[in-house]
Amino acid sequence: MKTVTVTGKSLIGPRSENQDRELVRLDSGTGLWLAAVADGLGGHVRGAEAAQAAVDQIPDTLPAPEDMSAAFNAAHEAVRLLSGEPPRLRPNWRQVPMSTLCIATGGSDGGEIVVGHSGDTMAYTLRIVDGEIRGGQVGDTHNYPGGAVSHCLGFDGQHAVQRVASSEADAIAVLSDGAWAPLMRTRTAECHFAFAYSGAWSAEAVCESLLAAAEQVGLVDNATAAVVCWDQS
């Protein structure tokens, strides 16, 4: 079994309120891990409550892909209940609490990583290459061409579930759009983002460096990361 470390961190950035929520779990007995980030939609009421309601519905572990969909359905219902009625019945949709959510889960014995997301909070496989951390996005964001979120919790609850082989990554990072958007300015043909890295290989060190790299480019929103690293032996 590989040695696994997990951590999460959120920065308020230039906003007056942090509407992101992060969650990390590691079961030392089974080796199962979980990392999640929810982002309350900006401009909508009670965004922080919506994000908290979403992460509150995540179970301790998600051992099977079907458990991922069940978690998203429960999170969507919890966020929807904050408004008490279907969003389409509200004349002003900004009065409807909504949230994105991304969850990644796997085990210390390798095998598959299962990733689910609704909205534009995304998971990234991380690789160390030539003194850089390079990130590859898992799946596509749920956005309209103009950038507005097309699917999220509290709206339609639609979500996507993907599988990634753990051999394709040295770590996984779940990032709110406030964290990944600045990093995308470093995008190349080989990866979605890259930044120099020479620290110890642990979730805490990688998380700190990732958010520092985003800060260096410039934050315009809350920026949140939940990171899982496994040893490179």
C-alpha atoms as a PDB file:
ATOM      1  CA  MET A   1       0.000   0.000   0.000  1.00  0.00           C
ATOM      2  CA  LYS A   2       1.165   3.502  -0.828  1.00  0.00           C
ATOM      3  CA  THR A   3       1.560   6.170   1.837  1.00  0.00           C
ATOM      4  CA  VAL A   4      -1.186   8.758   1.332  1.00  0.00           C
ATOM      5  CA  THR A   5      -1.442  12.316   2.687  1.00  0.00           C
ATOM      6  CA  VAL A   6      -4.453  14.615   2.375  1.00  0.00           C
ATOM      7  CA  THR A   7      -5.101  18.274   3.130  1.00  0.00           C
ATOM      8  CA  GLY A   8      -7.308  21.188   2.148  1.00  0.00           C
ATOM      9  CA  LYS A   9      -7.029  24.954   2.279  1.00  0.00           C
ATOM     10  CA  SER A  10      -9.184  27.910   1.256  1.00  0.00           C
ATOM     11  CA  LEU A  11      -8.226  31.540   0.597  1.00  0.00           C
ATOM     12  CA  ILE A  12     -10.801  34.324   0.723  1.00  0.00           C
ATOM     13  CA  GLY A  13      -8.991  36.296  -1.993  1.00  0.00           C
ATOM     14  CA  PRO A  14     -10.444  39.747  -2.754  1.00  0.00           C
ATOM     15  CA  ARG A  15     -13.996  38.754  -1.751  1.00  0.00           C
ATOM     16  CA  SER A  16     -15.745  39.939   1.416  1.00  0.00           C
ATOM     17  CA  GLU A  17     -16.972  36.401   2.196  1.00  0.00           C
ATOM     18  CA  ASN A  18     -15.593  32.934   1.567  1.00  0.00           C
ATOM     19  CA  GLN A  19     -18.319  30.873  -0.122  1.00  0.00           C
ATOM     20  CA  ASP A  20     -16.054  27.868  -0.814  1.00  0.00           C
ATOM     21  CA  ARG A  21     -15.985  24.765   1.347  1.00  0.00           C
ATOM     22  CA  GLU A  22     -13.441  21.929   1.271  1.00  0.00           C
ATOM     23  CA  LEU A  23     -13.444  18.442   2.757  1.00  0.00           C
ATOM     24  CA  VAL A  24     -10.716  15.790   2.948  1.00  0.00           C
ATOM     25  CA  ARG A  25     -10.864  12.369   4.559  1.00  0.00           C
ATOM     26  CA  LEU A  26      -8.430   9.471   4.905  1.00  0.00           C
ATOM     27  CA  ASP A  27      -9.362   6.154   6.510  1.00  0.00           C
ATOM     28  CA  SER A  28      -6.141   4.840   8.025  1.00  0.00           C
ATOM     29  CA  GLY A  29      -7.606   1.350   8.287  1.00  0.00           C
ATOM     30  CA  THR A  30      -8.834   0.838   4.731  1.00  0.00           C
ATOM     31  CA  GLY A  31      -6.653   3.395   2.952  1.00  0.00           C
ATOM     32  CA  LEU A  32      -9.688   4.948   1.285  1.00  0.00           C
ATOM     33  CA  TRP A  33      -9.412   8.691   0.733  1.00  0.00           C
ATOM     34  CA  LEU A  34     -11.746  11.445  -0.379  1.00  0.00           C
ATOM     35  CA  ALA A  35     -11.256  15.071  -1.414  1.00  0.00           C
ATOM     36  CA  ALA A  36     -14.045  17.517  -2.218  1.00  0.00           C
ATOM     37  CA  VAL A  37     -14.617  21.217  -2.876  1.00  0.00           C
ATOM     38  CA  ALA A  38     -17.938  23.061  -3.165  1.00  0.00           C
ATOM     39  CA  ASP A  39     -18.269  26.633  -4.397  1.00  0.00           C
ATOM     40  CA  GLY A  40     -21.446  28.628  -3.665  1.00  0.00           C
ATOM     41  CA  LEU A  41     -22.443  30.471  -6.831  1.00  0.00           C
ATOM     42  CA  GLY A  42     -21.351  34.092  -6.774  1.00  0.00           C
ATOM     43  CA  GLY A  43     -24.161  36.606  -7.024  1.00  0.00           C
ATOM     44  CA  HIS A  44     -26.692  34.154  -5.619  1.00  0.00           C
ATOM     45  CA  VAL A  45     -28.032  34.421  -2.087  1.00  0.00           C
ATOM     46  CA  ARG A  46     -26.734  32.140   0.665  1.00  0.00           C
ATOM     47  CA  GLY A  47     -23.842  30.823  -1.398  1.00  0.00           C
ATOM     48  CA  ALA A  48     -21.833  29.818   1.665  1.00  0.00           C
ATOM     49  CA  GLU A  49     -24.831  27.920   3.048  1.00  0.00           C
ATOM     50  CA  ALA A  50     -25.306  26.142  -0.275  1.00  0.00           C
ATOM     51  CA  ALA A  51     -21.662  25.028  -0.370  1.00  0.00           C
ATOM     52  CA  GLN A  52     -21.818  23.835   3.235  1.00  0.00           C
ATOM     53  CA  ALA A  53     -25.063  21.940   2.580  1.00  0.00           C
ATOM     54  CA  ALA A  54     -23.364  20.201  -0.352  1.00  0.00           C
ATOM     55  CA  VAL A  55     -20.315  18.962   1.566  1.00  0.00           C
ATOM     56  CA  ASP A  56     -22.444  17.982   4.565  1.00  0.00           C
ATOM     57  CA  GLN A  57     -24.076  15.294   2.416  1.00  0.00           C
ATOM     58  CA  ILE A  58     -20.821  13.571   1.469  1.00  0.00           C
ATOM     59  CA  PRO A  59     -20.482  10.209   3.245  1.00  0.00           C
ATOM     60  CA  ASP A  60     -17.278   9.089   4.953  1.00  0.00           C
ATOM     61  CA  THR A  61     -16.260   6.948   1.968  1.00  0.00           C
ATOM     62  CA  LEU A  62     -17.517   6.291  -1.561  1.00  0.00           C
ATOM     63  CA  PRO A  63     -16.308   2.762  -2.291  1.00  0.00           C
ATOM     64  CA  ALA A  64     -18.234   2.323  -5.578  1.00  0.00           C
ATOM     65  CA  PRO A  65     -18.995   4.595  -8.576  1.00  0.00           C
ATOM     66  CA  GLU A  66     -22.739   4.346  -7.935  1.00  0.00           C
ATOM     67  CA  ASP A  67     -22.120   5.785  -4.461  1.00  0.00           C
ATOM     68  CA  MET A  68     -20.720   8.910  -6.145  1.00  0.00           C
ATOM     69  CA  SER A  69     -23.981   9.581  -7.989  1.00  0.00           C
ATOM     70  CA  ALA A  70     -25.970   8.960  -4.814  1.00  0.00           C
ATOM     71  CA  ALA A  71     -23.842  11.541  -2.986  1.00  0.00           C
ATOM     72  CA  PHE A  72     -24.442  14.136  -5.706  1.00  0.00           C
ATOM     73  CA  ASN A  73     -28.180  13.488  -5.687  1.00  0.00           C
ATOM     74  CA  ALA A  74     -28.288  13.928  -1.903  1.00  0.00           C
ATOM     75  CA  ALA A  75     -26.199  17.108  -2.099  1.00  0.00           C
ATOM     76  CA  HIS A  76     -28.440  18.545  -4.825  1.00  0.00           C
ATOM     77  CA  GLU A  77     -31.554  17.877  -2.748  1.00  0.00           C
ATOM     78  CA  ALA A  78     -29.988  19.501   0.325  1.00  0.00           C
ATOM     79  CA  VAL A  79     -29.095  22.655  -1.626  1.00  0.00           C
ATOM     80  CA  ARG A  80     -32.500  22.729  -3.338  1.00  0.00           C
ATOM     81  CA  LEU A  81     -34.269  22.580   0.022  1.00  0.00           C
ATOM     82  CA  LEU A  82     -32.586  25.844   1.042  1.00  0.00           C
ATOM     83  CA  SER A  83     -34.896  27.703  -1.349  1.00  0.00           C
ATOM     84  CA  GLY A  84     -37.960  25.544  -0.707  1.00  0.00           C
ATOM     85  CA  GLU A  85     -39.169  25.535  -4.318  1.00  0.00           C
ATOM     86  CA  PRO A  86     -37.941  24.715  -7.842  1.00  0.00           C
ATOM     87  CA  PRO A  87     -35.602  27.456  -9.133  1.00  0.00           C
ATOM     88  CA  ARG A  88     -37.683  27.990 -12.272  1.00  0.00           C
ATOM     89  CA  LEU A  89     -40.573  29.212 -10.097  1.00  0.00           C
ATOM     90  CA  ARG A  90     -38.483  32.083  -8.764  1.00  0.00           C
ATOM     91  CA  PRO A  91     -38.714  35.275 -10.843  1.00  0.00           C
ATOM     92  CA  ASN A  92     -35.129  36.125  -9.888  1.00  0.00           C
ATOM     93  CA  TRP A  93     -32.773  33.148 -10.047  1.00  0.00           C
ATOM     94  CA  ARG A  94     -30.213  35.007  -7.969  1.00  0.00           C
ATOM     95  CA  GLN A  95     -32.577  34.473  -5.052  1.00  0.00           C
ATOM     96  CA  VAL A  96     -31.985  30.706  -5.387  1.00  0.00           C
ATOM     97  CA  PRO A  97     -28.995  29.255  -3.459  1.00  0.00           C
ATOM     98  CA  MET A  98     -26.795  27.145  -5.744  1.00  0.00           C
ATOM     99  CA  SER A  99     -23.398  25.459  -5.501  1.00  0.00           C
ATOM    100  CA  THR A 100     -20.875  23.583  -7.577  1.00  0.00           C
ATOM    101  CA  LEU A 101     -19.307  20.388  -6.224  1.00  0.00           C
ATOM    102  CA  CYS A 102     -16.399  18.144  -7.158  1.00  0.00           C
ATOM    103  CA  ILE A 103     -15.459  14.924  -5.352  1.00  0.00           C
ATOM    104  CA  ALA A 104     -12.470  12.656  -5.986  1.00  0.00           C
ATOM    105  CA  THR A 105     -12.018   9.345  -4.186  1.00  0.00           C
ATOM    106  CA  GLY A 106      -9.715   6.341  -4.320  1.00  0.00           C
ATOM    107  CA  GLY A 107      -7.560   4.010  -2.253  1.00  0.00           C
ATOM    108  CA  SER A 108      -3.953   3.656  -1.156  1.00  0.00           C
ATOM    109  CA  ASP A 109      -3.647   0.364  -3.057  1.00  0.00           C
ATOM    110  CA  GLY A 110      -3.750   2.120  -6.419  1.00  0.00           C
ATOM    111  CA  GLY A 111      -6.385   1.193  -8.959  1.00  0.00           C
ATOM    112  CA  GLU A 112      -9.072   3.595 -10.091  1.00  0.00           C
ATOM    113  CA  ILE A 113      -9.732   7.135  -8.957  1.00  0.00           C
ATOM    114  CA  VAL A 114     -13.393   8.095  -9.299  1.00  0.00           C
ATOM    115  CA  VAL A 115     -14.188  11.764  -9.912  1.00  0.00           C
ATOM    116  CA  GLY A 116     -17.607  13.399  -9.937  1.00  0.00           C
ATOM    117  CA  HIS A 117     -18.394  17.043 -10.620  1.00  0.00           C
ATOM    118  CA  SER A 118     -21.292  19.429 -11.115  1.00  0.00           C
ATOM    119  CA  GLY A 119     -20.410  22.923 -12.294  1.00  0.00           C
ATOM    120  CA  ASP A 120     -16.904  24.287 -12.756  1.00  0.00           C
ATOM    121  CA  THR A 121     -15.144  23.044  -9.627  1.00  0.00           C
ATOM    122  CA  MET A 122     -12.769  20.479 -11.094  1.00  0.00           C
ATOM    123  CA  ALA A 123     -10.268  17.724 -10.315  1.00  0.00           C
ATOM    124  CA  TYR A 124      -6.754  17.675 -11.745  1.00  0.00           C
ATOM    125  CA  THR A 125      -4.208  14.899 -11.983  1.00  0.00           C
ATOM    126  CA  LEU A 126      -0.811  16.204 -10.879  1.00  0.00           C
ATOM    127  CA  ARG A 127       2.538  15.000 -12.182  1.00  0.00           C
ATOM    128  CA  ILE A 128       6.105  16.006 -11.348  1.00  0.00           C
ATOM    129  CA  VAL A 129       7.950  16.588 -14.642  1.00  0.00           C
ATOM    130  CA  ASP A 130      11.331  18.344 -14.965  1.00  0.00           C
ATOM    131  CA  GLY A 131      10.964  20.253 -11.703  1.00  0.00           C
ATOM    132  CA  GLU A 132       7.389  21.294 -12.404  1.00  0.00           C
ATOM    133  CA  ILE A 133       3.983  20.217 -11.214  1.00  0.00           C
ATOM    134  CA  ARG A 134       1.801  19.756 -14.263  1.00  0.00           C
ATOM    135  CA  GLY A 135      -1.967  19.525 -13.949  1.00  0.00           C
ATOM    136  CA  GLY A 136      -4.371  17.724 -16.244  1.00  0.00           C
ATOM    137  CA  GLN A 137      -8.085  18.422 -15.946  1.00  0.00           C
ATOM    138  CA  VAL A 138     -10.450  15.487 -15.438  1.00  0.00           C
ATOM    139  CA  GLY A 139     -13.552  16.025 -17.595  1.00  0.00           C
ATOM    140  CA  ASP A 140     -15.034  19.261 -18.931  1.00  0.00           C
ATOM    141  CA  THR A 141     -16.412  22.185 -16.993  1.00  0.00           C
ATOM    142  CA  HIS A 142     -20.171  22.730 -16.980  1.00  0.00           C
ATOM    143  CA  ASN A 143     -20.199  26.250 -18.423  1.00  0.00           C
ATOM    144  CA  TYR A 144     -22.035  28.108 -21.153  1.00  0.00           C
ATOM    145  CA  PRO A 145     -19.812  29.762 -23.803  1.00  0.00           C
ATOM    146  CA  GLY A 146     -20.021  33.070 -21.922  1.00  0.00           C
ATOM    147  CA  GLY A 147     -18.700  31.428 -18.748  1.00  0.00           C
ATOM    148  CA  ALA A 148     -21.891  31.065 -16.693  1.00  0.00           C
ATOM    149  CA  VAL A 149     -22.357  27.704 -14.985  1.00  0.00           C
ATOM    150  CA  SER A 150     -24.718  25.448 -16.959  1.00  0.00           C
ATOM    151  CA  HIS A 151     -25.213  22.656 -14.377  1.00  0.00           C
ATOM    152  CA  CYS A 152     -24.963  22.821 -10.601  1.00  0.00           C
ATOM    153  CA  LEU A 153     -26.563  21.777  -7.337  1.00  0.00           C
ATOM    154  CA  GLY A 154     -29.773  23.603  -6.495  1.00  0.00           C
ATOM    155  CA  PHE A 155     -30.461  24.148 -10.198  1.00  0.00           C
ATOM    156  CA  ASP A 156     -30.665  20.895 -12.158  1.00  0.00           C
ATOM    157  CA  GLY A 157     -28.285  18.687 -10.165  1.00  0.00           C
ATOM    158  CA  GLN A 158     -26.732  17.207 -13.283  1.00  0.00           C
ATOM    159  CA  HIS A 159     -23.282  15.777 -12.701  1.00  0.00           C
ATOM    160  CA  ALA A 160     -20.633  13.761 -14.503  1.00  0.00           C
ATOM    161  CA  VAL A 161     -18.630  10.811 -13.153  1.00  0.00           C
ATOM    162  CA  GLN A 162     -15.273   9.763 -14.617  1.00  0.00           C
ATOM    163  CA  ARG A 163     -12.618   7.200 -13.789  1.00  0.00           C
ATOM    164  CA  VAL A 164      -8.877   7.786 -13.850  1.00  0.00           C
ATOM    165  CA  ALA A 165      -6.110   5.212 -13.323  1.00  0.00           C
ATOM    166  CA  SER A 166      -4.014   6.166 -10.309  1.00  0.00           C
ATOM    167  CA  SER A 167      -0.935   5.322 -12.385  1.00  0.00           C
ATOM    168  CA  GLU A 168      -1.671   8.457 -14.435  1.00  0.00           C
ATOM    169  CA  ALA A 169      -1.018  10.770 -11.473  1.00  0.00           C
ATOM    170  CA  ASP A 170       1.321  11.404  -8.548  1.00  0.00           C
ATOM    171  CA  ALA A 171      -1.441  13.376  -6.806  1.00  0.00           C
ATOM    172  CA  ILE A 172      -4.975  14.670  -7.243  1.00  0.00           C
ATOM    173  CA  ALA A 173      -6.102  18.244  -6.601  1.00  0.00           C
ATOM    174  CA  VAL A 174      -9.733  19.340  -6.445  1.00  0.00           C
ATOM    175  CA  LEU A 175      -9.890  23.075  -7.174  1.00  0.00           C
ATOM    176  CA  SER A 176     -12.543  25.768  -7.164  1.00  0.00           C
ATOM    177  CA  ASP A 177     -12.528  27.938 -10.275  1.00  0.00           C
ATOM    178  CA  GLY A 178     -10.950  30.712  -8.216  1.00  0.00           C
ATOM    179  CA  ALA A 179      -7.894  28.475  -7.825  1.00  0.00           C
ATOM    180  CA  TRP A 180      -7.630  26.878 -11.263  1.00  0.00           C
ATOM    181  CA  ALA A 181      -8.529  29.898 -13.412  1.00  0.00           C
ATOM    182  CA  PRO A 182      -5.346  31.878 -12.591  1.00  0.00           C
ATOM    183  CA  LEU A 183      -3.232  28.774 -13.158  1.00  0.00           C
ATOM    184  CA  MET A 184      -4.744  28.275 -16.618  1.00  0.00           C
ATOM    185  CA  ARG A 185      -2.740  31.261 -17.794  1.00  0.00           C
ATOM    186  CA  THR A 186       0.267  28.905 -17.746  1.00  0.00           C
ATOM    187  CA  ARG A 187      -1.482  26.326 -19.969  1.00  0.00           C
ATOM    188  CA  THR A 188       0.630  24.537 -22.588  1.00  0.00           C
ATOM    189  CA  ALA A 189       0.010  21.854 -25.183  1.00  0.00           C
ATOM    190  CA  GLU A 190       1.138  19.240 -22.644  1.00  0.00           C
ATOM    191  CA  CYS A 191      -0.947  20.273 -19.642  1.00  0.00           C
ATOM    192  CA  HIS A 192      -3.684  22.549 -18.346  1.00  0.00           C
ATOM    193  CA  PHE A 193      -1.290  24.322 -15.984  1.00  0.00           C
ATOM    194  CA  ALA A 194       2.287  24.098 -14.704  1.00  0.00           C
ATOM    195  CA  PHE A 195       4.383  25.716 -11.983  1.00  0.00           C
ATOM    196  CA  ALA A 196       7.871  25.183 -10.584  1.00  0.00           C
ATOM    197  CA  TYR A 197       8.099  22.884  -7.581  1.00  0.00           C
ATOM    198  CA  SER A 198      11.005  21.710  -5.429  1.00  0.00           C
ATOM    199  CA  GLY A 199       9.367  21.042  -2.062  1.00  0.00           C
ATOM    200  CA  ALA A 200       8.719  17.857  -0.125  1.00  0.00           C
ATOM    201  CA  TRP A 201       6.184  15.510  -1.688  1.00  0.00           C
ATOM    202  CA  SER A 202       3.227  15.818   0.659  1.00  0.00           C
ATOM    203  CA  ALA A 203      -0.344  17.002   0.302  1.00  0.00           C
ATOM    204  CA  GLU A 204       0.281  20.005   2.549  1.00  0.00           C
ATOM    205  CA  ALA A 205       3.360  21.168   0.640  1.00  0.00           C
ATOM    206  CA  VAL A 206       1.728  20.680  -2.761  1.00  0.00           C
ATOM    207  CA  CYS A 207      -1.463  22.449  -1.648  1.00  0.00           C
ATOM    208  CA  GLU A 208       0.463  25.450  -0.309  1.00  0.00           C
ATOM    209  CA  SER A 209       2.542  25.721  -3.483  1.00  0.00           C
ATOM    210  CA  LEU A 210      -0.475  25.383  -5.739  1.00  0.00           C
ATOM    211  CA  LEU A 211      -2.403  28.180  -4.032  1.00  0.00           C
ATOM    212  CA  ALA A 212       0.737  30.330  -3.854  1.00  0.00           C
ATOM    213  CA  ALA A 213       1.165  29.922  -7.615  1.00  0.00           C
ATOM    214  CA  ALA A 214      -2.452  31.004  -8.153  1.00  0.00           C
ATOM    215  CA  GLU A 215      -1.936  33.995  -5.817  1.00  0.00           C
ATOM    216  CA  GLN A 216       1.169  35.016  -7.713  1.00  0.00           C
ATOM    217  CA  VAL A 217      -0.818  35.208 -10.952  1.00  0.00           C
ATOM    218  CA  GLY A 218      -3.633  37.045  -9.165  1.00  0.00           C
ATOM    219  CA  LEU A 219      -6.821  35.955  -7.413  1.00  0.00           C
ATOM    220  CA  VAL A 220     -10.214  37.398  -8.352  1.00  0.00           C
ATOM    221  CA  ASP A 221     -12.318  35.023  -6.259  1.00  0.00           C
ATOM    222  CA  ASN A 222     -12.155  32.645  -3.304  1.00  0.00           C
ATOM    223  CA  ALA A 223      -9.531  30.002  -4.100  1.00  0.00           C
ATOM    224  CA  THR A 224      -9.778  26.525  -2.586  1.00  0.00           C
ATOM    225  CA  ALA A 225      -7.835  23.289  -2.976  1.00  0.00           C
ATOM    226  CA  ALA A 226      -8.227  19.777  -1.598  1.00  0.00           C
ATOM    227  CA  VAL A 227      -5.131  17.685  -2.331  1.00  0.00           C
ATOM    228  CA  VAL A 228      -4.252  14.006  -2.079  1.00  0.00           C
ATOM    229  CA  CYS A 229      -0.658  12.813  -2.568  1.00  0.00           C
ATOM    230  CA  TRP A 230       0.773   9.314  -2.554  1.00  0.00           C
ATOM    231  CA  ASP A 231       4.414   8.309  -2.308  1.00  0.00           C
ATOM    232  CA  GLN A 232       6.378   7.972  -5.512  1.00  0.00           C
ATOM    233  CA  SER A 233       8.056   4.657  -4.654  1.00  0.00           C
END
